[in-house]
Amino acid sequence: MSTTVLATATPTLNPSKSSEVVRKPYPNYKVIVLNDDFNTFKHVAESLMKYIPGMTEEEAWNLTNQVHYNGLAIVWEGPLEQAELYHQQLKREGLTMAPLEAT
């Protein structure tokens, strides 16, 4: 006597997707100045004070020293549109800029 067993497929129900909205913040972007052999300390510091909002003279000189001794400095971090503006302005002043970098 042979017994035949039929396999039946049982439908698998996917759990319903949550209707909860998950908010993700926009990434921030780093504006990075690189060291070079042609910009003076004074020009770098003055450019930072001119274009980076709220930049004090002390902060500008500290960042300028960081550029010189470490090879680079993150001079501003924030939303993409503003980062693009500051990057472009500093580049127009002749500073050597790294590409914008998302954080």
Foldseek 3Di string as FASTA:
>chain_A
DDDDDDDDDDDDDDPDDDPDDDDDDDWKKFWKFFDDDPDDLVLQLVLLVVQPPPDDSVNSSVQSVCRVPVGMGRSDMGDDVSSVVSNVSVVVSVTHTDPIDTD
